[in-house]
Amino acid sequence: MRYFAERLFDGKTFKQNQLIIVRNKKIVFIDQGEPDQADVHLSGLVSPGFIDVQVNGGGGKLFNNEPTLETLQCMSEAHQQFGTTAMLPTLITDDFTTMQSAANAISAAISNDMLGIVGVHFEGPHLSVPKKGIHPEHHIRKITDDELALFARKDLGQVCVTLAPENVSCNVIRELVAHNVKVFLGHSNATAGQTLAAIEAGAQGFTHLYNAMSPLTSRAAGMVGASLLDNNTYCGLIVDHEHVDNVSCQLAIKCKTPQKVMLVTDAMSHVGSTQTELQFAGMDITRTGNKLTIEGGRLAGSALDMATAVRNTVNNLHCPLEHALQMAATTPAKFLSLQGKKGLLAEGYDADWTVLTTDLHIDSTYIAGNNVYNRTITQQNQQQGELCKH
């Protein structure tokens, strides 16, 4: 198939009048062209597809509650309408049986080439109780050989594990990294020293920076201070204007640069659905506007999608559009070691892209050259559905 883009961001620079030729799910040609050379005219700004490394649910399904192949399909389809072309479905702290079921579902999704699933993120269970957030305390525990073996499986795509370094030794972090596991630090009360030691052992990033981690203060730099100081690690950042103050977001991007900050959603099942209430681990999670809370007002994940994260970053953090798109696509691709496959629009890369309107909403989404979401068709189907009701 041949596509023509009047305006395109390839992950590095903006270009005009680009012809894209796709064959066998890959981009085989991309360069200057003319509209009459193409089969499809992409109307809007074409960008590399968004990559979300922290997705708990979507489309009314939470991965913990139903760790199945069907849930993964639902989650992927829900987030495709917001420009996400690759994700790490994320399992919140749970029992080992649920972890095994989640891993088996991920394995099946990858072996079946399910669009959008490139690995798995185990957020816990080896965390700090004082910084547990909504993670069930009775499931927080020391790491075992069985869990190490699960994380080291080679049929799960890219595995990411969030852990608290005060509760997991540097030797274990080294072992995980040796098995190609991406180690995130988070839900932690670690000192700056403990955090820097974990980085020295191979930890590569931080889960939802600022949230559920020891803060930066005048007399103790904490995990936040260590994360901002280090030049080599990546940070996930939830730009929903609920989790992190705008100035704190701007500080993180200034310190870490867009090459090390990844926009993440931490999305629960509400995204891509009309759901307002969710039961998880005996807690009632309620959506009010774009905010998810449990009783007492504590945040419980988010209702954020990647397109909204990009808009918020541009409109309210005043970041250049190219930086926002890099943080949504190019940077997470590098973190996940997907260079040469995803995160750029270039010859040899996967034909994954999203088309944005002038106000940065999603017009269409493509994965492996397949048009998996089209706003016009979706709106027409919705209107037809309304007509059928009458």
Protein backbone atom coordinates (compact mmCIF):
# COMPACT_ATOMS: atom_id res chain seq x y z
CA MET A 1 0.00 0.00 0.00
CA ARG A 2 1.06 3.56 -0.73
CA TYR A 3 0.17 6.42 1.62
CA PHE A 4 0.60 10.16 1.17
CA ALA A 5 1.12 12.46 4.17
CA GLU A 6 0.97 16.21 3.66
CA ARG A 7 2.59 16.68 7.06
CA LEU A 8 4.65 14.10 8.91
CA PHE A 9 6.80 13.92 12.04
CA ASP A 10 9.22 11.03 11.68
CA GLY A 11 10.33 11.04 15.33
CA LYS A 12 13.08 13.56 14.72
CA THR A 13 11.88 16.26 12.31
CA PHE A 14 8.75 17.53 10.61
CA LYS A 15 8.48 16.87 6.88
CA GLN A 16 6.05 17.79 4.11
CA ASN A 17 4.52 15.74 1.27
CA GLN A 18 5.83 12.31 2.19
CA LEU A 19 5.08 9.10 0.29
CA ILE A 20 5.05 5.99 2.50
CA ILE A 21 5.13 2.52 0.95
CA VAL A 22 4.27 -0.44 3.19
CA ARG A 23 5.00 -4.06 2.43
CA ASN A 24 4.75 -7.03 4.81
CA LYS A 25 3.91 -4.80 7.79
CA LYS A 26 7.07 -2.71 7.32
CA ILE A 27 7.84 0.69 5.85
CA VAL A 28 9.94 -0.05 2.76
CA PHE A 29 10.06 3.49 1.39
CA ILE A 30 9.47 6.95 2.82
CA ASP A 31 10.46 10.13 1.01
CA GLN A 32 9.18 13.11 -0.93
CA GLY A 33 6.22 12.25 -3.14
CA GLU A 34 3.00 13.38 -4.79
CA PRO A 35 -0.63 12.71 -3.82
CA ASP A 36 -1.43 10.92 -7.08
CA GLN A 37 1.24 8.30 -6.30
CA ALA A 38 -0.69 7.05 -3.25
CA ASP A 39 -3.62 4.72 -2.62
CA VAL A 40 -4.53 6.49 0.66
CA HIS A 41 -4.29 10.18 1.56
CA LEU A 42 -3.58 10.63 5.28
CA SER A 43 -5.30 13.86 6.29
CA GLY A 44 -3.60 15.38 9.32
CA LEU A 45 -0.24 15.13 11.08
CA VAL A 46 1.25 11.65 10.77
CA SER A 47 3.31 10.66 13.81
CA PRO A 48 4.97 7.47 15.03
CA GLY A 49 2.42 5.46 16.99
CA PHE A 50 2.34 6.06 20.72
CA ILE A 51 3.93 3.50 23.06
CA ASP A 52 2.58 3.19 26.61
CA VAL A 53 4.67 1.24 29.13
CA GLN A 54 2.06 1.32 31.93
CA VAL A 55 -1.49 0.25 31.07
CA ASN A 56 -3.58 -1.48 33.73
CA GLY A 57 -6.75 -1.70 31.68
CA GLY A 58 -9.09 -0.24 29.10
CA GLY A 59 -12.41 -0.78 27.38
CA GLY A 60 -14.04 -1.72 30.70
CA LYS A 61 -11.50 -4.48 31.45
CA LEU A 62 -8.82 -4.49 34.19
CA PHE A 63 -5.92 -6.88 33.59
CA ASN A 64 -5.80 -7.97 37.26
CA ASN A 65 -9.48 -8.81 37.38
CA GLU A 66 -9.45 -10.81 34.14
CA PRO A 67 -5.89 -11.79 33.11
CA THR A 68 -6.95 -13.33 29.80
CA LEU A 69 -6.30 -13.07 26.08
CA GLU A 70 -9.72 -11.51 25.62
CA THR A 71 -8.89 -8.75 28.12
CA LEU A 72 -5.67 -7.94 26.27
CA GLN A 73 -7.55 -7.68 22.99
CA CYS A 74 -10.09 -5.35 24.59
CA MET A 75 -7.38 -3.20 26.19
CA SER A 76 -5.42 -2.86 22.97
CA GLU A 77 -8.48 -1.92 20.92
CA ALA A 78 -9.60 0.61 23.53
CA HIS A 79 -6.25 2.42 23.47
CA GLN A 80 -5.84 2.28 19.69
CA GLN A 81 -8.50 4.96 19.36
CA PHE A 82 -6.16 7.27 21.31
CA GLY A 83 -3.11 6.64 19.12
CA THR A 84 -1.47 3.82 21.10
CA THR A 85 0.10 1.27 18.77
CA ALA A 86 2.18 -0.63 21.34
CA MET A 87 1.79 -1.20 25.06
CA LEU A 88 2.94 -3.09 28.10
CA PRO A 89 -0.21 -4.41 29.82
CA THR A 90 0.47 -3.87 33.50
CA LEU A 91 -0.37 -6.16 36.40
CA ILE A 92 -0.78 -4.46 39.75
CA THR A 93 0.49 -6.34 42.84
CA ASP A 94 -1.38 -9.66 43.11
CA ASP A 95 -0.94 -13.31 44.10
CA PHE A 96 1.42 -15.60 42.21
CA THR A 97 -1.39 -17.51 40.49
CA THR A 98 -2.71 -14.29 38.96
CA MET A 99 0.82 -13.38 37.88
CA GLN A 100 1.13 -16.74 36.12
CA SER A 101 -2.23 -16.28 34.39
CA ALA A 102 -1.20 -12.81 33.25
CA ALA A 103 2.11 -14.12 31.89
CA ASN A 104 0.38 -16.95 30.04
CA ALA A 105 -2.08 -14.49 28.47
CA ILE A 106 0.78 -12.25 27.35
CA SER A 107 2.62 -15.25 25.90
CA ALA A 108 -0.47 -16.27 23.93
CA ALA A 109 -0.98 -12.71 22.67
CA ILE A 110 2.58 -12.46 21.42
CA SER A 111 2.63 -15.92 19.85
CA ASN A 112 -0.62 -15.04 18.05
CA ASP A 113 0.80 -11.68 16.86
CA MET A 114 -1.92 -9.72 18.65
CA LEU A 115 -1.65 -6.13 17.47
CA GLY A 116 -0.31 -3.70 20.06
CA ILE A 117 1.04 -6.09 22.71
CA VAL A 118 4.85 -5.98 22.97
CA GLY A 119 5.49 -7.21 26.52
CA VAL A 120 4.29 -7.00 30.10
CA HIS A 121 4.86 -4.76 33.11
CA PHE A 122 4.67 -6.32 36.57
CA GLU A 123 4.12 -3.37 38.90
CA GLY A 124 4.99 -5.14 42.11
CA PRO A 125 4.59 -7.18 44.23
CA HIS A 126 8.05 -6.38 45.67
CA LEU A 127 7.25 -2.88 46.86
CA SER A 128 7.32 -0.71 49.99
CA VAL A 129 4.24 -0.87 52.20
CA PRO A 130 4.46 2.83 53.21
CA LYS A 131 4.32 3.76 49.51
CA LYS A 132 1.90 1.08 48.37
CA GLY A 133 -0.81 3.37 46.96
CA ILE A 134 -3.71 1.10 46.01
CA HIS A 135 -1.52 -2.00 45.82
CA PRO A 136 -3.00 -4.62 48.19
CA GLU A 137 -0.75 -4.78 51.25
CA HIS A 138 -1.40 -8.47 51.87
CA HIS A 139 0.17 -9.31 48.50
CA ILE A 140 3.33 -7.20 48.95
CA ARG A 141 6.18 -9.61 49.63
CA LYS A 142 9.85 -10.49 49.23
CA ILE A 143 10.91 -11.83 45.85
CA THR A 144 11.06 -15.62 45.45
CA ASP A 145 12.79 -17.97 43.03
CA ASP A 146 9.42 -18.70 41.39
CA GLU A 147 8.90 -15.01 40.69
CA LEU A 148 12.44 -14.60 39.38
CA ALA A 149 11.80 -17.50 37.00
CA LEU A 150 8.52 -15.92 35.88
CA PHE A 151 10.17 -12.57 35.17
CA ALA A 152 12.93 -14.34 33.21
CA ARG A 153 10.56 -16.10 30.79
CA LYS A 154 11.54 -15.57 27.17
CA ASP A 155 8.04 -15.81 25.68
CA LEU A 156 6.67 -12.57 27.17
CA GLY A 157 8.18 -9.95 24.88
CA GLN A 158 9.84 -7.18 26.86
CA VAL A 159 9.36 -7.67 30.60
CA CYS A 160 9.40 -4.68 32.93
CA VAL A 161 9.29 -5.02 36.72
CA THR A 162 8.65 -2.21 39.21
CA LEU A 163 10.27 -2.82 42.59
CA ALA A 164 11.36 -0.97 45.72
CA PRO A 165 15.17 -1.13 46.01
CA GLU A 166 15.11 -1.06 49.81
CA ASN A 167 13.32 -4.42 49.65
CA VAL A 168 15.12 -6.03 46.69
CA SER A 169 18.89 -6.42 46.76
CA CYS A 170 21.26 -5.07 44.14
CA ASN A 171 22.30 -8.67 43.40
CA VAL A 172 18.72 -9.53 42.48
CA ILE A 173 18.47 -6.40 40.31
CA ARG A 174 21.65 -7.50 38.52
CA GLU A 175 20.15 -10.96 38.00
CA LEU A 176 16.95 -9.49 36.53
CA VAL A 177 18.88 -7.22 34.19
CA ALA A 178 21.01 -10.19 33.09
CA HIS A 179 17.75 -11.82 31.97
CA ASN A 180 16.88 -8.72 29.88
CA VAL A 181 14.26 -7.50 32.37
CA LYS A 182 13.79 -3.73 32.46
CA VAL A 183 13.87 -2.78 36.14
CA PHE A 184 11.79 0.23 37.19
CA LEU A 185 12.07 1.73 40.66
CA GLY A 186 8.88 2.88 42.34
CA HIS A 187 6.37 2.51 45.16
CA SER A 188 9.42 3.02 47.33
CA ASN A 189 10.68 4.88 50.41
CA ALA A 190 14.31 4.39 49.37
CA THR A 191 16.98 6.93 50.18
CA ALA A 192 18.87 8.63 47.39
CA GLY A 193 21.83 6.38 48.20
CA GLN A 194 19.76 3.20 47.90
CA THR A 195 18.28 4.49 44.65
CA LEU A 196 21.66 5.33 43.12
CA ALA A 197 23.00 1.92 44.17
CA ALA A 198 20.07 0.26 42.37
CA ILE A 199 20.85 2.31 39.26
CA GLU A 200 24.48 1.21 39.49
CA ALA A 201 23.20 -2.39 39.65
CA GLY A 202 21.30 -1.88 36.40
CA ALA A 203 17.89 -0.35 37.15
CA GLN A 204 16.87 1.63 34.06
CA GLY A 205 13.93 3.78 35.08
CA PHE A 206 11.26 5.07 37.46
CA THR A 207 7.56 4.30 37.61
CA HIS A 208 5.24 7.36 37.53
CA LEU A 209 7.83 9.88 38.72
CA TYR A 210 6.95 11.76 41.95
CA ASN A 211 4.04 9.46 42.78
CA ALA A 212 4.46 6.81 45.50
CA MET A 213 8.17 7.48 46.08
CA SER A 214 10.31 9.25 48.67
CA PRO A 215 10.27 12.98 47.84
CA LEU A 216 13.03 15.52 47.29
CA THR A 217 13.50 17.63 50.41
CA SER A 218 16.21 19.99 51.66
CA ARG A 219 17.90 17.37 53.83
CA ALA A 220 17.05 14.16 51.99
CA ALA A 221 17.05 13.92 48.20
CA GLY A 222 14.98 10.74 48.21
CA MET A 223 14.12 8.75 45.12
CA VAL A 224 12.76 11.83 43.36
CA GLY A 225 16.04 13.70 43.80
CA ALA A 226 18.12 10.74 42.64
CA SER A 227 15.93 10.24 39.59
CA LEU A 228 16.25 13.88 38.54
CA LEU A 229 20.01 13.86 39.11
CA ASP A 230 20.78 10.75 37.05
CA ASN A 231 21.26 11.34 33.33
CA ASN A 232 20.87 7.79 32.08
CA THR A 233 17.60 6.51 33.54
CA TYR A 234 14.11 6.94 32.10
CA CYS A 235 11.05 8.27 33.91
CA GLY A 236 7.39 7.59 33.32
CA LEU A 237 5.29 10.74 33.81
CA ILE A 238 1.49 10.88 34.18
CA VAL A 239 0.46 14.23 32.67
CA ASP A 240 -3.22 14.16 33.61
CA HIS A 241 -3.01 17.25 35.89
CA GLU A 242 -4.16 15.06 38.79
CA HIS A 243 -1.03 13.07 39.64
CA VAL A 244 1.67 15.71 39.20
CA ASP A 245 1.75 19.51 39.42
CA ASN A 246 2.48 21.21 36.10
CA VAL A 247 5.64 22.89 37.39
CA SER A 248 6.91 19.54 38.67
CA CYS A 249 6.26 18.05 35.23
CA GLN A 250 8.17 20.90 33.60
CA LEU A 251 11.05 20.43 36.04
CA ALA A 252 11.25 16.71 35.24
CA ILE A 253 11.35 17.35 31.49
CA LYS A 254 13.96 20.09 31.94
CA CYS A 255 16.18 17.86 34.11
CA LYS A 256 15.75 14.58 32.26
CA THR A 257 15.08 15.96 28.72
CA PRO A 258 12.45 14.52 26.34
CA GLN A 259 14.95 11.76 25.50
CA LYS A 260 14.48 10.28 28.99
CA VAL A 261 10.88 11.16 29.93
CA MET A 262 8.09 8.86 28.75
CA LEU A 263 4.44 9.87 28.77
CA VAL A 264 2.45 7.06 30.42
CA THR A 265 -1.22 6.69 31.22
CA ASP A 266 -1.36 4.33 34.22
CA ALA A 267 -4.80 3.74 32.72
CA MET A 268 -7.42 1.70 34.49
CA SER A 269 -10.36 -0.04 32.82
CA HIS A 270 -12.30 3.22 32.43
CA VAL A 271 -10.35 4.41 29.37
CA GLY A 272 -12.26 3.79 26.16
CA SER A 273 -15.46 2.97 28.04
CA THR A 274 -18.36 4.66 29.82
CA GLN A 275 -17.47 2.91 33.08
CA THR A 276 -17.55 5.05 36.22
CA GLU A 277 -17.26 2.38 38.95
CA LEU A 278 -14.67 -0.39 39.31
CA GLN A 279 -14.07 -3.04 41.95
CA PHE A 280 -10.44 -3.98 42.57
CA ALA A 281 -9.05 -5.93 45.54
CA GLY A 282 -12.04 -5.04 47.69
CA MET A 283 -11.81 -1.33 46.84
CA ASP A 284 -14.39 0.76 45.02
CA ILE A 285 -12.68 2.95 42.41
CA THR A 286 -14.84 5.85 41.26
CA ARG A 287 -14.40 8.10 38.26
CA THR A 288 -15.28 11.76 38.68
CA GLY A 289 -14.43 13.67 35.54
CA ASN A 290 -10.93 12.50 34.67
CA LYS A 291 -9.98 11.56 38.24
CA LEU A 292 -10.09 8.07 39.75
CA THR A 293 -10.20 7.72 43.52
CA ILE A 294 -10.98 5.27 46.28
CA GLU A 295 -12.73 6.11 49.55
CA GLY A 296 -10.84 8.92 51.27
CA GLY A 297 -9.91 10.58 47.99
CA ARG A 298 -6.68 8.67 47.31
CA LEU A 299 -5.76 8.46 43.61
CA ALA A 300 -6.30 5.03 42.07
CA GLY A 301 -4.65 4.93 38.67
CA SER A 302 -5.93 7.20 35.94
CA ALA A 303 -8.50 7.67 33.20
CA LEU A 304 -5.81 9.19 30.98
CA ASP A 305 -5.17 8.21 27.37
CA MET A 306 -2.03 8.92 25.36
CA ALA A 307 -3.59 11.48 23.03
CA THR A 308 -4.77 13.51 26.02
CA ALA A 309 -1.31 13.20 27.58
CA VAL A 310 0.20 14.68 24.41
CA ARG A 311 -2.35 17.51 24.33
CA ASN A 312 -1.80 18.31 28.00
CA THR A 313 1.97 18.35 27.48
CA VAL A 314 1.70 20.77 24.56
CA ASN A 315 -1.14 22.98 25.75
CA ASN A 316 -0.48 23.17 29.50
CA LEU A 317 3.20 22.36 29.94
CA HIS A 318 4.03 24.46 26.86
CA CYS A 319 6.33 21.82 25.40
CA PRO A 320 7.11 21.92 21.68
CA LEU A 321 4.95 19.41 19.81
CA GLU A 322 7.98 17.45 18.63
CA HIS A 323 9.08 16.92 22.24
CA ALA A 324 5.63 15.71 23.29
CA LEU A 325 5.51 13.25 20.38
CA GLN A 326 9.01 12.00 21.18
CA MET A 327 8.00 11.39 24.80
CA ALA A 328 4.93 9.49 23.59
CA ALA A 329 6.65 7.36 20.96
CA THR A 330 10.37 7.63 20.28
CA THR A 331 11.63 7.66 23.87
CA PRO A 332 9.59 4.67 25.10
CA ALA A 333 10.71 2.74 22.00
CA LYS A 334 14.33 3.34 23.01
CA PHE A 335 13.62 2.36 26.61
CA LEU A 336 12.06 -0.90 25.42
CA SER A 337 15.03 -1.57 23.10
CA LEU A 338 12.75 -1.40 20.06
CA GLN A 339 15.12 0.76 18.01
CA GLY A 340 14.98 -0.31 14.40
CA LYS A 341 11.38 -1.47 14.87
CA LYS A 342 9.25 1.21 16.50
CA GLY A 343 9.32 4.86 17.56
CA LEU A 344 10.35 6.32 14.19
CA LEU A 345 8.82 6.50 10.73
CA ALA A 346 11.71 5.27 8.60
CA GLU A 347 12.55 2.52 6.16
CA GLY A 348 12.71 -0.87 7.86
CA TYR A 349 10.51 0.17 10.79
CA ASP A 350 7.09 -1.26 11.62
CA ALA A 351 4.25 0.50 9.83
CA ASP A 352 2.84 1.88 13.10
CA TRP A 353 1.56 5.44 13.08
CA THR A 354 -1.25 7.66 14.19
CA VAL A 355 -2.80 10.62 12.39
CA LEU A 356 -3.61 13.67 14.50
CA THR A 357 -6.04 16.47 13.80
CA THR A 358 -5.06 20.11 14.15
CA ASP A 359 -6.29 20.08 17.77
CA LEU A 360 -4.25 16.90 18.48
CA HIS A 361 -7.10 14.43 18.62
CA ILE A 362 -6.78 11.11 16.80
CA ASP A 363 -8.14 10.80 13.28
CA SER A 364 -6.82 7.30 12.58
CA THR A 365 -4.38 4.69 13.87
CA TYR A 366 -2.33 2.12 11.96
CA ILE A 367 -0.52 -0.93 13.34
CA ALA A 368 1.62 -3.12 11.04
CA GLY A 369 0.02 -1.31 8.11
CA ASN A 370 -3.51 -2.12 9.28
CA ASN A 371 -6.00 0.71 9.83
CA VAL A 372 -7.16 -0.31 13.31
CA TYR A 373 -9.04 2.90 14.14
CA ASN A 374 -10.77 5.50 12.00
CA ARG A 375 -12.63 8.33 13.70
CA THR A 376 -15.06 8.96 10.84
CA ILE A 377 -16.09 5.32 10.55
CA THR A 378 -16.44 5.02 14.33
CA GLN A 379 -18.64 8.11 14.49
CA GLN A 380 -20.80 6.83 11.64
CA ASN A 381 -21.22 3.48 13.39
CA GLN A 382 -22.15 5.23 16.63
CA GLN A 383 -24.72 7.36 14.82
CA GLN A 384 -26.14 4.28 13.10
CA GLY A 385 -26.38 2.61 16.47
CA GLU A 386 -28.35 5.54 17.85
CA LEU A 387 -30.70 5.41 14.84
CA CYS A 388 -31.25 1.70 15.39
CA LYS A 389 -32.37 2.39 18.97
CA HIS A 390 -35.17 4.54 17.60
